[in-house]
Amino acid sequence: MLGIVPILQKRVLGIYNWSPRAKKFLEHPAGPFTIFFWCPLVKWFLTLTNVKELQLPTKQVSSKQQATLALSGLIWTRYSFVITPINYNLAACCIFMSASGFYQLFRKWRAGELLD
């Protein structure tokens, strides 16, 4: 492993007497020194934004955007179980993102505005 992140991780772990639980978290293969931690964290913002948009009238909701969110949520849910380490945080985020996208599409369908 080359790069600055392993050096930074080693330095952070060495400057403080971490509790065993915190140290385990910081050393985890899907911990904060890996993309496996940050990707789901950022993706949760997309999901929460989509949930917040449930308050919008259906005319302001884009069918194409919601279809993209719903389908990418399904695809990435599958991917999160295939990669090593298995990323349960990413899977949960993608399931919620997919569900919110499909629900938005259902709202548009129920209002007769699905094909906008």
PDB file of N, CA and C in Angstrom:
ATOM      1  N   MET A   1       0.835  -1.177   0.000  1.00  0.00           N
ATOM      2  CA  MET A   1       0.000   0.000   0.000  1.00  0.00           C
ATOM      3  C   MET A   1       0.879   1.239   0.000  1.00  0.00           C
ATOM      4  N   LEU A   2       0.865   1.932  -1.105  1.00  0.00           N
ATOM      5  CA  LEU A   2       1.610   3.171  -1.199  1.00  0.00           C
ATOM      6  C   LEU A   2       0.657   4.337  -1.066  1.00  0.00           C
ATOM      7  N   GLY A   3       1.161   5.458  -0.668  1.00  0.00           N
ATOM      8  CA  GLY A   3       0.336   6.651  -0.590  1.00  0.00           C
ATOM      9  C   GLY A   3       0.376   7.284   0.777  1.00  0.00           C
ATOM     10  N   ILE A   4      -0.331   8.387   0.862  1.00  0.00           N
ATOM     11  CA  ILE A   4      -0.318   9.179   2.078  1.00  0.00           C
ATOM     12  C   ILE A   4      -1.290   8.654   3.144  1.00  0.00           C
ATOM     13  N   VAL A   5      -2.356   7.991   2.722  1.00  0.00           N
ATOM     14  CA  VAL A   5      -3.381   7.560   3.673  1.00  0.00           C
ATOM     15  C   VAL A   5      -2.848   6.564   4.699  1.00  0.00           C
ATOM     16  N   PRO A   6      -2.100   5.526   4.316  1.00  0.00           N
ATOM     17  CA  PRO A   6      -1.559   4.625   5.344  1.00  0.00           C
ATOM     18  C   PRO A   6      -0.616   5.332   6.316  1.00  0.00           C
ATOM     19  N   ILE A   7       0.139   6.290   5.817  1.00  0.00           N
ATOM     20  CA  ILE A   7       1.040   7.058   6.685  1.00  0.00           C
ATOM     21  C   ILE A   7       0.217   7.903   7.660  1.00  0.00           C
ATOM     22  N   LEU A   8      -0.823   8.548   7.143  1.00  0.00           N
ATOM     23  CA  LEU A   8      -1.702   9.355   7.979  1.00  0.00           C
ATOM     24  C   LEU A   8      -2.409   8.493   9.023  1.00  0.00           C
ATOM     25  N   GLN A   9      -2.873   7.321   8.611  1.00  0.00           N
ATOM     26  CA  GLN A   9      -3.554   6.417   9.541  1.00  0.00           C
ATOM     27  C   GLN A   9      -2.612   5.998  10.664  1.00  0.00           C
ATOM     28  N   LYS A  10      -1.396   5.644  10.302  1.00  0.00           N
ATOM     29  CA  LYS A  10      -0.407   5.229  11.303  1.00  0.00           C
ATOM     30  C   LYS A  10      -0.103   6.368  12.278  1.00  0.00           C
ATOM     31  N   ARG A  11       0.005   7.570  11.753  1.00  0.00           N
ATOM     32  CA  ARG A  11       0.292   8.729  12.599  1.00  0.00           C
ATOM     33  C   ARG A  11      -0.874   9.016  13.544  1.00  0.00           C
ATOM     34  N   VAL A  12      -2.099   8.982  13.025  1.00  0.00           N
ATOM     35  CA  VAL A  12      -3.284   9.239  13.858  1.00  0.00           C
ATOM     36  C   VAL A  12      -3.400   8.188  14.952  1.00  0.00           C
ATOM     37  N   LEU A  13      -3.153   6.935  14.608  1.00  0.00           N
ATOM     38  CA  LEU A  13      -3.238   5.867  15.599  1.00  0.00           C
ATOM     39  C   LEU A  13      -2.133   5.970  16.649  1.00  0.00           C
ATOM     40  N   GLY A  14      -1.008   6.588  16.273  1.00  0.00           N
ATOM     41  CA  GLY A  14       0.123   6.670  17.191  1.00  0.00           C
ATOM     42  C   GLY A  14       0.121   7.866  18.119  1.00  0.00           C
ATOM     43  N   ILE A  15      -0.631   8.919  17.803  1.00  0.00           N
ATOM     44  CA  ILE A  15      -0.540  10.141  18.617  1.00  0.00           C
ATOM     45  C   ILE A  15      -1.460  10.141  19.820  1.00  0.00           C
ATOM     46  N   TYR A  16      -2.343   9.185  19.915  1.00  0.00           N
ATOM     47  CA  TYR A  16      -3.302   9.173  21.011  1.00  0.00           C
ATOM     48  C   TYR A  16      -3.508   7.740  21.472  1.00  0.00           C
ATOM     49  N   ASN A  17      -3.768   7.575  22.735  1.00  0.00           N
ATOM     50  CA  ASN A  17      -4.035   6.247  23.283  1.00  0.00           C
ATOM     51  C   ASN A  17      -5.523   5.927  23.076  1.00  0.00           C
ATOM     52  N   TRP A  18      -5.849   5.411  21.909  1.00  0.00           N
ATOM     53  CA  TRP A  18      -7.233   5.138  21.546  1.00  0.00           C
ATOM     54  C   TRP A  18      -7.799   3.970  22.338  1.00  0.00           C
ATOM     55  N   SER A  19      -9.083   4.024  22.616  1.00  0.00           N
ATOM     56  CA  SER A  19      -9.742   2.883  23.251  1.00  0.00           C
ATOM     57  C   SER A  19      -9.732   1.727  22.247  1.00  0.00           C
ATOM     58  N   PRO A  20      -9.811   0.491  22.722  1.00  0.00           N
ATOM     59  CA  PRO A  20      -9.792  -0.641  21.793  1.00  0.00           C
ATOM     60  C   PRO A  20     -10.902  -0.561  20.739  1.00  0.00           C
ATOM     61  N   ARG A  21     -12.052  -0.074  21.138  1.00  0.00           N
ATOM     62  CA  ARG A  21     -13.172   0.032  20.191  1.00  0.00           C
ATOM     63  C   ARG A  21     -12.889   1.080  19.106  1.00  0.00           C
ATOM     64  N   ALA A  22     -12.366   2.232  19.516  1.00  0.00           N
ATOM     65  CA  ALA A  22     -12.033   3.291  18.552  1.00  0.00           C
ATOM     66  C   ALA A  22     -10.902   2.849  17.638  1.00  0.00           C
ATOM     67  N   LYS A  23      -9.916   2.173  18.214  1.00  0.00           N
ATOM     68  CA  LYS A  23      -8.790   1.704  17.412  1.00  0.00           C
ATOM     69  C   LYS A  23      -9.254   0.671  16.382  1.00  0.00           C
ATOM     70  N   LYS A  24     -10.147  -0.208  16.795  1.00  0.00           N
ATOM     71  CA  LYS A  24     -10.696  -1.206  15.866  1.00  0.00           C
ATOM     72  C   LYS A  24     -11.429  -0.512  14.720  1.00  0.00           C
ATOM     73  N   PHE A  25     -12.216   0.531  15.039  1.00  0.00           N
ATOM     74  CA  PHE A  25     -12.937   1.295  14.025  1.00  0.00           C
ATOM     75  C   PHE A  25     -11.967   1.970  13.053  1.00  0.00           C
ATOM     76  N   LEU A  26     -10.913   2.598  13.581  1.00  0.00           N
ATOM     77  CA  LEU A  26      -9.956   3.303  12.735  1.00  0.00           C
ATOM     78  C   LEU A  26      -9.131   2.355  11.865  1.00  0.00           C
ATOM     79  N   GLU A  27      -8.933   1.126  12.325  1.00  0.00           N
ATOM     80  CA  GLU A  27      -8.148   0.150  11.560  1.00  0.00           C
ATOM     81  C   GLU A  27      -8.998  -0.730  10.650  1.00  0.00           C
ATOM     82  N   HIS A  28     -10.307  -0.614  10.735  1.00  0.00           N
ATOM     83  CA  HIS A  28     -11.206  -1.488   9.971  1.00  0.00           C
ATOM     84  C   HIS A  28     -11.002  -1.304   8.469  1.00  0.00           C
ATOM     85  N   PRO A  29     -11.130  -2.382   7.692  1.00  0.00           N
ATOM     86  CA  PRO A  29     -10.970  -2.288   6.233  1.00  0.00           C
ATOM     87  C   PRO A  29     -11.996  -1.365   5.561  1.00  0.00           C
ATOM     88  N   ALA A  30     -13.095  -1.083   6.247  1.00  0.00           N
ATOM     89  CA  ALA A  30     -14.089  -0.137   5.718  1.00  0.00           C
ATOM     90  C   ALA A  30     -14.193   1.077   6.640  1.00  0.00           C
ATOM     91  N   GLY A  31     -13.098   1.397   7.312  1.00  0.00           N
ATOM     92  CA  GLY A  31     -13.074   2.507   8.260  1.00  0.00           C
ATOM     93  C   GLY A  31     -12.855   3.850   7.592  1.00  0.00           C
ATOM     94  N   PRO A  32     -12.673   4.894   8.402  1.00  0.00           N
ATOM     95  CA  PRO A  32     -12.600   6.257   7.873  1.00  0.00           C
ATOM     96  C   PRO A  32     -11.347   6.567   7.049  1.00  0.00           C
ATOM     97  N   PHE A  33     -10.417   5.658   6.973  1.00  0.00           N
ATOM     98  CA  PHE A  33      -9.241   5.868   6.140  1.00  0.00           C
ATOM     99  C   PHE A  33      -9.380   5.175   4.790  1.00  0.00           C
ATOM    100  N   THR A  34     -10.616   4.799   4.438  1.00  0.00           N
ATOM    101  CA  THR A  34     -10.864   4.137   3.156  1.00  0.00           C
ATOM    102  C   THR A  34     -12.043   4.787   2.446  1.00  0.00           C
ATOM    103  N   ILE A  35     -12.146   4.547   1.158  1.00  0.00           N
ATOM    104  CA  ILE A  35     -13.273   5.036   0.367  1.00  0.00           C
ATOM    105  C   ILE A  35     -14.559   4.328   0.772  1.00  0.00           C
ATOM    106  N   PHE A  36     -14.424   3.136   1.346  1.00  0.00           N
ATOM    107  CA  PHE A  36     -15.596   2.360   1.745  1.00  0.00           C
ATOM    108  C   PHE A  36     -16.382   3.048   2.860  1.00  0.00           C
ATOM    109  N   PHE A  37     -15.761   3.966   3.554  1.00  0.00           N
ATOM    110  CA  PHE A  37     -16.436   4.736   4.596  1.00  0.00           C
ATOM    111  C   PHE A  37     -17.052   6.007   4.019  1.00  0.00           C
ATOM    112  N   TRP A  38     -16.297   6.720   3.203  1.00  0.00           N
ATOM    113  CA  TRP A  38     -16.712   8.042   2.737  1.00  0.00           C
ATOM    114  C   TRP A  38     -17.756   7.983   1.629  1.00  0.00           C
ATOM    115  N   CYS A  39     -17.706   6.990   0.783  1.00  0.00           N
ATOM    116  CA  CYS A  39     -18.683   6.877  -0.300  1.00  0.00           C
ATOM    117  C   CYS A  39     -20.111   6.779   0.237  1.00  0.00           C
ATOM    118  N   PRO A  40     -20.407   5.865   1.163  1.00  0.00           N
ATOM    119  CA  PRO A  40     -21.772   5.821   1.688  1.00  0.00           C
ATOM    120  C   PRO A  40     -22.158   7.081   2.446  1.00  0.00           C
ATOM    121  N   LEU A  41     -21.202   7.676   3.144  1.00  0.00           N
ATOM    122  CA  LEU A  41     -21.506   8.884   3.904  1.00  0.00           C
ATOM    123  C   LEU A  41     -22.012   9.982   2.975  1.00  0.00           C
ATOM    124  N   VAL A  42     -21.332  10.189   1.860  1.00  0.00           N
ATOM    125  CA  VAL A  42     -21.747  11.206   0.902  1.00  0.00           C
ATOM    126  C   VAL A  42     -23.049  10.791   0.219  1.00  0.00           C
ATOM    127  N   LYS A  43     -23.196   9.502  -0.055  1.00  0.00           N
ATOM    128  CA  LYS A  43     -24.410   9.024  -0.727  1.00  0.00           C
ATOM    129  C   LYS A  43     -25.644   9.168   0.165  1.00  0.00           C
ATOM    130  N   TRP A  44     -25.466   9.131   1.474  1.00  0.00           N
ATOM    131  CA  TRP A  44     -26.592   9.356   2.383  1.00  0.00           C
ATOM    132  C   TRP A  44     -27.192  10.745   2.173  1.00  0.00           C
ATOM    133  N   PHE A  45     -26.360  11.727   1.817  1.00  0.00           N
ATOM    134  CA  PHE A  45     -26.875  13.075   1.569  1.00  0.00           C
ATOM    135  C   PHE A  45     -27.816  13.082   0.368  1.00  0.00           C
ATOM    136  N   LEU A  46     -27.472  12.336  -0.683  1.00  0.00           N
ATOM    137  CA  LEU A  46     -28.385  12.206  -1.828  1.00  0.00           C
ATOM    138  C   LEU A  46     -29.708  11.593  -1.387  1.00  0.00           C
ATOM    139  N   THR A  47     -29.618  10.553  -0.599  1.00  0.00           N
ATOM    140  CA  THR A  47     -30.813   9.856  -0.140  1.00  0.00           C
ATOM    141  C   THR A  47     -31.672  10.764   0.723  1.00  0.00           C
ATOM    142  N   LEU A  48     -31.059  11.465   1.668  1.00  0.00           N
ATOM    143  CA  LEU A  48     -31.816  12.352   2.551  1.00  0.00           C
ATOM    144  C   LEU A  48     -32.427  13.523   1.786  1.00  0.00           C
ATOM    145  N   THR A  49     -31.719  14.006   0.774  1.00  0.00           N
ATOM    146  CA  THR A  49     -32.277  15.067  -0.067  1.00  0.00           C
ATOM    147  C   THR A  49     -33.506  14.561  -0.811  1.00  0.00           C
ATOM    148  N   ASN A  50     -33.430  13.336  -1.300  1.00  0.00           N
ATOM    149  CA  ASN A  50     -34.568  12.756  -2.015  1.00  0.00           C
ATOM    150  C   ASN A  50     -35.758  12.551  -1.074  1.00  0.00           C
ATOM    151  N   VAL A  51     -35.501  12.160   0.148  1.00  0.00           N
ATOM    152  CA  VAL A  51     -36.579  12.003   1.126  1.00  0.00           C
ATOM    153  C   VAL A  51     -37.197  13.361   1.444  1.00  0.00           C
ATOM    154  N   LYS A  52     -36.365  14.392   1.544  1.00  0.00           N
ATOM    155  CA  LYS A  52     -36.881  15.743   1.803  1.00  0.00           C
ATOM    156  C   LYS A  52     -37.766  16.210   0.652  1.00  0.00           C
ATOM    157  N   GLU A  53     -37.474  15.782  -0.569  1.00  0.00           N
ATOM    158  CA  GLU A  53     -38.262  16.189  -1.729  1.00  0.00           C
ATOM    159  C   GLU A  53     -39.629  15.519  -1.777  1.00  0.00           C
ATOM    160  N   LEU A  54     -39.932  14.654  -0.834  1.00  0.00           N
ATOM    161  CA  LEU A  54     -41.264  14.066  -0.774  1.00  0.00           C
ATOM    162  C   LEU A  54     -42.319  15.131  -0.481  1.00  0.00           C
ATOM    163  N   GLN A  55     -41.880  16.278   0.028  1.00  0.00           N
ATOM    164  CA  GLN A  55     -42.795  17.381   0.319  1.00  0.00           C
ATOM    165  C   GLN A  55     -43.158  18.171  -0.933  1.00  0.00           C
ATOM    166  N   LEU A  56     -42.386  18.016  -1.996  1.00  0.00           N
ATOM    167  CA  LEU A  56     -42.643  18.779  -3.218  1.00  0.00           C
ATOM    168  C   LEU A  56     -43.890  18.280  -3.932  1.00  0.00           C
ATOM    169  N   PRO A  57     -44.558  19.176  -4.647  1.00  0.00           N
ATOM    170  CA  PRO A  57     -45.647  18.713  -5.501  1.00  0.00           C
ATOM    171  C   PRO A  57     -45.083  17.807  -6.601  1.00  0.00           C
ATOM    172  N   THR A  58     -45.880  16.862  -7.051  1.00  0.00           N
ATOM    173  CA  THR A  58     -45.378  15.884  -8.028  1.00  0.00           C
ATOM    174  C   THR A  58     -44.970  16.530  -9.345  1.00  0.00           C
ATOM    175  N   LYS A  59     -45.510  17.681  -9.682  1.00  0.00           N
ATOM    176  CA  LYS A  59     -45.120  18.368 -10.922  1.00  0.00           C
ATOM    177  C   LYS A  59     -43.659  18.823 -10.882  1.00  0.00           C
ATOM    178  N   GLN A  60     -43.130  19.035  -9.714  1.00  0.00           N
ATOM    179  CA  GLN A  60     -41.749  19.498  -9.576  1.00  0.00           C
ATOM    180  C   GLN A  60     -40.753  18.356  -9.457  1.00  0.00           C
ATOM    181  N   VAL A  61     -41.223  17.129  -9.455  1.00  0.00           N
ATOM    182  CA  VAL A  61     -40.346  15.962  -9.324  1.00  0.00           C
ATOM    183  C   VAL A  61     -40.041  15.419 -10.714  1.00  0.00           C
ATOM    184  N   SER A  62     -38.765  15.195 -11.006  1.00  0.00           N
ATOM    185  CA  SER A  62     -38.345  14.695 -12.307  1.00  0.00           C
ATOM    186  C   SER A  62     -38.434  13.167 -12.351  1.00  0.00           C
ATOM    187  N   SER A  63     -39.183  12.644 -13.305  1.00  0.00           N
ATOM    188  CA  SER A  63     -39.304  11.193 -13.462  1.00  0.00           C
ATOM    189  C   SER A  63     -37.969  10.558 -13.827  1.00  0.00           C
ATOM    190  N   LYS A  64     -37.234  11.222 -14.715  1.00  0.00           N
ATOM    191  CA  LYS A  64     -35.930  10.674 -15.137  1.00  0.00           C
ATOM    192  C   LYS A  64     -34.949  10.621 -13.966  1.00  0.00           C
ATOM    193  N   GLN A  65     -34.929  11.667 -13.169  1.00  0.00           N
ATOM    194  CA  GLN A  65     -34.031  11.693 -12.016  1.00  0.00           C
ATOM    195  C   GLN A  65     -34.404  10.597 -11.024  1.00  0.00           C
ATOM    196  N   GLN A  66     -35.687  10.440 -10.754  1.00  0.00           N
ATOM    197  CA  GLN A  66     -36.121   9.437  -9.788  1.00  0.00           C
ATOM    198  C   GLN A  66     -35.880   8.025 -10.297  1.00  0.00           C
ATOM    199  N   ALA A  67     -36.080   7.806 -11.594  1.00  0.00           N
ATOM    200  CA  ALA A  67     -35.797   6.486 -12.173  1.00  0.00           C
ATOM    201  C   ALA A  67     -34.309   6.173 -12.061  1.00  0.00           C
ATOM    202  N   THR A  68     -33.482   7.183 -12.309  1.00  0.00           N
ATOM    203  CA  THR A  68     -32.028   6.998 -12.189  1.00  0.00           C
ATOM    204  C   THR A  68     -31.639   6.671 -10.753  1.00  0.00           C
ATOM    205  N   LEU A  69     -32.173   7.406  -9.798  1.00  0.00           N
ATOM    206  CA  LEU A  69     -31.860   7.137  -8.388  1.00  0.00           C
ATOM    207  C   LEU A  69     -32.345   5.744  -7.972  1.00  0.00           C
ATOM    208  N   ALA A  70     -33.551   5.372  -8.398  1.00  0.00           N
ATOM    209  CA  ALA A  70     -34.111   4.080  -8.010  1.00  0.00           C
ATOM    210  C   ALA A  70     -33.295   2.927  -8.593  1.00  0.00           C
ATOM    211  N   LEU A  71     -32.961   3.016  -9.868  1.00  0.00           N
ATOM    212  CA  LEU A  71     -32.217   1.923 -10.497  1.00  0.00           C
ATOM    213  C   LEU A  71     -30.761   1.868 -10.046  1.00  0.00           C
ATOM    214  N   SER A  72     -30.134   3.025  -9.883  1.00  0.00           N
ATOM    215  CA  SER A  72     -28.747   2.988  -9.402  1.00  0.00           C
ATOM    216  C   SER A  72     -28.693   2.477  -7.966  1.00  0.00           C
ATOM    217  N   GLY A  73     -29.733   2.766  -7.186  1.00  0.00           N
ATOM    218  CA  GLY A  73     -29.799   2.216  -5.831  1.00  0.00           C
ATOM    219  C   GLY A  73     -29.832   0.698  -5.839  1.00  0.00           C
ATOM    220  N   LEU A  74     -30.608   0.126  -6.760  1.00  0.00           N
ATOM    221  CA  LEU A  74     -30.660  -1.338  -6.863  1.00  0.00           C
ATOM    222  C   LEU A  74     -29.316  -1.918  -7.287  1.00  0.00           C
ATOM    223  N   ILE A  75     -28.716  -1.299  -8.299  1.00  0.00           N
ATOM    224  CA  ILE A  75     -27.429  -1.797  -8.812  1.00  0.00           C
ATOM    225  C   ILE A  75     -26.350  -1.731  -7.732  1.00  0.00           C
ATOM    226  N   TRP A  76     -26.248  -0.589  -7.057  1.00  0.00           N
ATOM    227  CA  TRP A  76     -25.206  -0.428  -6.054  1.00  0.00           C
ATOM    228  C   TRP A  76     -25.465  -1.236  -4.789  1.00  0.00           C
ATOM    229  N   THR A  77     -26.723  -1.566  -4.522  1.00  0.00           N
ATOM    230  CA  THR A  77     -27.001  -2.462  -3.395  1.00  0.00           C
ATOM    231  C   THR A  77     -26.363  -3.811  -3.664  1.00  0.00           C
ATOM    232  N   ARG A  78     -26.554  -4.314  -4.863  1.00  0.00           N
ATOM    233  CA  ARG A  78     -25.947  -5.594  -5.236  1.00  0.00           C
ATOM    234  C   ARG A  78     -24.422  -5.510  -5.151  1.00  0.00           C
ATOM    235  N   TYR A  79     -23.864  -4.431  -5.685  1.00  0.00           N
ATOM    236  CA  TYR A  79     -22.411  -4.256  -5.681  1.00  0.00           C
ATOM    237  C   TYR A  79     -21.847  -4.228  -4.266  1.00  0.00           C
ATOM    238  N   SER A  80     -22.559  -3.612  -3.341  1.00  0.00           N
ATOM    239  CA  SER A  80     -22.037  -3.484  -1.982  1.00  0.00           C
ATOM    240  C   SER A  80     -21.896  -4.834  -1.282  1.00  0.00           C
ATOM    241  N   PHE A  81     -22.615  -5.852  -1.754  1.00  0.00           N
ATOM    242  CA  PHE A  81     -22.467  -7.192  -1.185  1.00  0.00           C
ATOM    243  C   PHE A  81     -21.419  -8.027  -1.921  1.00  0.00           C
ATOM    244  N   VAL A  82     -20.970  -7.577  -3.082  1.00  0.00           N
ATOM    245  CA  VAL A  82     -19.990  -8.314  -3.879  1.00  0.00           C
ATOM    246  C   VAL A  82     -18.563  -7.892  -3.541  1.00  0.00           C
ATOM    247  N   ILE A  83     -18.372  -6.619  -3.204  1.00  0.00           N
ATOM    248  CA  ILE A  83     -17.029  -6.112  -2.941  1.00  0.00           C
ATOM    249  C   ILE A  83     -16.493  -6.647  -1.612  1.00  0.00           C
ATOM    250  N   THR A  84     -15.187  -6.571  -1.465  1.00  0.00           N
ATOM    251  CA  THR A  84     -14.539  -6.945  -0.213  1.00  0.00           C
ATOM    252  C   THR A  84     -13.849  -5.706   0.329  1.00  0.00           C
ATOM    253  N   PRO A  85     -14.127  -5.290   1.536  1.00  0.00           N
ATOM    254  CA  PRO A  85     -15.044  -5.871   2.504  1.00  0.00           C
ATOM    255  C   PRO A  85     -16.494  -5.537   2.138  1.00  0.00           C
ATOM    256  N   ILE A  86     -17.414  -6.399   2.549  1.00  0.00           N
ATOM    257  CA  ILE A  86     -18.831  -6.151   2.307  1.00  0.00           C
ATOM    258  C   ILE A  86     -19.194  -4.850   3.016  1.00  0.00           C
ATOM    259  N   ASN A  87     -19.861  -3.972   2.292  1.00  0.00           N
ATOM    260  CA  ASN A  87     -20.148  -2.644   2.820  1.00  0.00           C
ATOM    261  C   ASN A  87     -21.634  -2.531   3.156  1.00  0.00           C
ATOM    262  N   TYR A  88     -21.994  -2.841   4.393  1.00  0.00           N
ATOM    263  CA  TYR A  88     -23.391  -2.827   4.818  1.00  0.00           C
ATOM    264  C   TYR A  88     -23.948  -1.403   4.883  1.00  0.00           C
ATOM    265  N   ASN A  89     -23.102  -0.439   5.206  1.00  0.00           N
ATOM    266  CA  ASN A  89     -23.541   0.953   5.235  1.00  0.00           C
ATOM    267  C   ASN A  89     -23.949   1.404   3.832  1.00  0.00           C
ATOM    268  N   LEU A  90     -23.160   1.062   2.832  1.00  0.00           N
ATOM    269  CA  LEU A  90     -23.491   1.396   1.454  1.00  0.00           C
ATOM    270  C   LEU A  90     -24.761   0.680   1.015  1.00  0.00           C
ATOM    271  N   ALA A  91     -24.917  -0.572   1.405  1.00  0.00           N
ATOM    272  CA  ALA A  91     -26.123  -1.325   1.047  1.00  0.00           C
ATOM    273  C   ALA A  91     -27.366  -0.674   1.636  1.00  0.00           C
ATOM    274  N   ALA A  92     -27.306  -0.294   2.907  1.00  0.00           N
ATOM    275  CA  ALA A  92     -28.460   0.347   3.550  1.00  0.00           C
ATOM    276  C   ALA A  92     -28.796   1.667   2.868  1.00  0.00           C
ATOM    277  N   CYS A  93     -27.781   2.449   2.579  1.00  0.00           N
ATOM    278  CA  CYS A  93     -27.995   3.725   1.911  1.00  0.00           C
ATOM    279  C   CYS A  93     -28.654   3.528   0.551  1.00  0.00           C
ATOM    280  N   CYS A  94     -28.155   2.576  -0.212  1.00  0.00           N
ATOM    281  CA  CYS A  94     -28.681   2.339  -1.557  1.00  0.00           C
ATOM    282  C   CYS A  94     -30.104   1.781  -1.523  1.00  0.00           C
ATOM    283  N   ILE A  95     -30.408   0.961  -0.536  1.00  0.00           N
ATOM    284  CA  ILE A  95     -31.774   0.455  -0.400  1.00  0.00           C
ATOM    285  C   ILE A  95     -32.739   1.615  -0.143  1.00  0.00           C
ATOM    286  N   PHE A  96     -32.365   2.512   0.759  1.00  0.00           N
ATOM    287  CA  PHE A  96     -33.215   3.665   1.044  1.00  0.00           C
ATOM    288  C   PHE A  96     -33.307   4.599  -0.164  1.00  0.00           C
ATOM    289  N   MET A  97     -32.195   4.769  -0.882  1.00  0.00           N
ATOM    290  CA  MET A  97     -32.220   5.629  -2.064  1.00  0.00           C
ATOM    291  C   MET A  97     -33.144   5.041  -3.127  1.00  0.00           C
ATOM    292  N   SER A  98     -33.060   3.747  -3.333  1.00  0.00           N
ATOM    293  CA  SER A  98     -33.917   3.084  -4.303  1.00  0.00           C
ATOM    294  C   SER A  98     -35.386   3.174  -3.889  1.00  0.00           C
ATOM    295  N   ALA A  99     -35.655   2.927  -2.632  1.00  0.00           N
ATOM    296  CA  ALA A  99     -37.034   2.979  -2.136  1.00  0.00           C
ATOM    297  C   ALA A  99     -37.624   4.381  -2.284  1.00  0.00           C
ATOM    298  N   SER A 100     -36.840   5.405  -1.965  1.00  0.00           N
ATOM    299  CA  SER A 100     -37.362   6.768  -2.096  1.00  0.00           C
ATOM    300  C   SER A 100     -37.586   7.134  -3.554  1.00  0.00           C
ATOM    301  N   GLY A 101     -36.710   6.668  -4.445  1.00  0.00           N
ATOM    302  CA  GLY A 101     -36.902   6.923  -5.871  1.00  0.00           C
ATOM    303  C   GLY A 101     -38.146   6.239  -6.411  1.00  0.00           C
ATOM    304  N   PHE A 102     -38.340   4.976  -6.041  1.00  0.00           N
ATOM    305  CA  PHE A 102     -39.538   4.264  -6.495  1.00  0.00           C
ATOM    306  C   PHE A 102     -40.808   4.881  -5.902  1.00  0.00           C
ATOM    307  N   TYR A 103     -40.727   5.341  -4.670  1.00  0.00           N
ATOM    308  CA  TYR A 103     -41.898   5.977  -4.069  1.00  0.00           C
ATOM    309  C   TYR A 103     -42.244   7.286  -4.785  1.00  0.00           C
ATOM    310  N   GLN A 104     -41.226   8.055  -5.134  1.00  0.00           N
ATOM    311  CA  GLN A 104     -41.476   9.286  -5.890  1.00  0.00           C
ATOM    312  C   GLN A 104     -42.124   8.960  -7.239  1.00  0.00           C
ATOM    313  N   LEU A 105     -41.634   7.907  -7.905  1.00  0.00           N
ATOM    314  CA  LEU A 105     -42.239   7.495  -9.178  1.00  0.00           C
ATOM    315  C   LEU A 105     -43.683   7.053  -8.973  1.00  0.00           C
ATOM    316  N   PHE A 106     -43.951   6.364  -7.870  1.00  0.00           N
ATOM    317  CA  PHE A 106     -45.312   5.939  -7.562  1.00  0.00           C
ATOM    318  C   PHE A 106     -46.215   7.155  -7.352  1.00  0.00           C
ATOM    319  N   ARG A 107     -45.704   8.157  -6.656  1.00  0.00           N
ATOM    320  CA  ARG A 107     -46.483   9.378  -6.462  1.00  0.00           C
ATOM    321  C   ARG A 107     -46.838  10.030  -7.785  1.00  0.00           C
ATOM    322  N   LYS A 108     -45.848  10.084  -8.694  1.00  0.00           N
ATOM    323  CA  LYS A 108     -46.106  10.689 -10.007  1.00  0.00           C
ATOM    324  C   LYS A 108     -47.092   9.846 -10.809  1.00  0.00           C
ATOM    325  N   TRP A 109     -46.968   8.549 -10.731  1.00  0.00           N
ATOM    326  CA  TRP A 109     -47.882   7.647 -11.453  1.00  0.00           C
ATOM    327  C   TRP A 109     -49.310   7.829 -10.934  1.00  0.00           C
ATOM    328  N   ARG A 110     -49.450   7.889  -9.607  1.00  0.00           N
ATOM    329  CA  ARG A 110     -50.760   8.053  -8.990  1.00  0.00           C
ATOM    330  C   ARG A 110     -51.391   9.393  -9.384  1.00  0.00           C
ATOM    331  N   ALA A 111     -50.563  10.423  -9.598  1.00  0.00           N
ATOM    332  CA  ALA A 111     -51.060  11.730  -9.997  1.00  0.00           C
ATOM    333  C   ALA A 111     -51.259  11.840 -11.512  1.00  0.00           C
ATOM    334  N   GLY A 112     -50.882  10.772 -12.246  1.00  0.00           N
ATOM    335  CA  GLY A 112     -51.025  10.785 -13.705  1.00  0.00           C
ATOM    336  C   GLY A 112     -49.982  11.623 -14.401  1.00  0.00           C
ATOM    337  N   GLU A 113     -48.828  11.824 -13.771  1.00  0.00           N
ATOM    338  CA  GLU A 113     -47.767  12.690 -14.327  1.00  0.00           C
ATOM    339  C   GLU A 113     -46.466  11.940 -14.554  1.00  0.00           C
ATOM    340  N   LEU A 114     -46.513  10.643 -14.650  1.00  0.00           N
ATOM    341  CA  LEU A 114     -45.277   9.867 -14.704  1.00  0.00           C
ATOM    342  C   LEU A 114     -44.419  10.208 -15.935  1.00  0.00           C
ATOM    343  N   LEU A 115     -45.022  10.351 -17.067  1.00  0.00           N
ATOM    344  CA  LEU A 115     -44.260  10.627 -18.293  1.00  0.00           C
ATOM    345  C   LEU A 115     -44.190  12.131 -18.533  1.00  0.00           C
ATOM    346  N   ASP A 116     -43.268  12.778 -17.817  1.00  0.00           N
ATOM    347  CA  ASP A 116     -43.135  14.236 -18.007  1.00  0.00           C
ATOM    348  C   ASP A 116     -41.978  14.585 -18.881  1.00  0.00           C
TER     349      ASP A 116
END
